[in-house]
Amino acid sequence: MDAMGAEGAPRVEVEGALAALTSPEIDVVLVGDETRVRRVLDEMGSDARAGRIQVRHAAEAVGMDEAPASAFRQKKASSMRVCFELAQRARWTR
């Protein structure tokens, strides 16, 4: 899940990830600025839900004013691109 995808990120994304964990068959990978994501997880009292949340660092984020296709091509370390690559790898390893 792109943890840097919304205005005010990553709070809303972390809230959504924690809500998703009410379903026992779901695990979550949050992709974004690791320091910021972990800080929000800590503020929300999350113990990373006993290993069900992973955080993957992405050094860049796509701004709300950027064209997604251009950002995808140019920002190879963006959270959006890292999410896509993780999903693509998961698809081929099933």
Foldseek 3Di string as FASTA:
>chain_A
DECQPDVVGNQVVLVVQVVVVVDVVAAEEYEEAVVVSVVNCVVVVHPSPVPSYHYHYAPAADDPPDDVVVCLVPRCRYSVVVVVVVVVVVVVVD
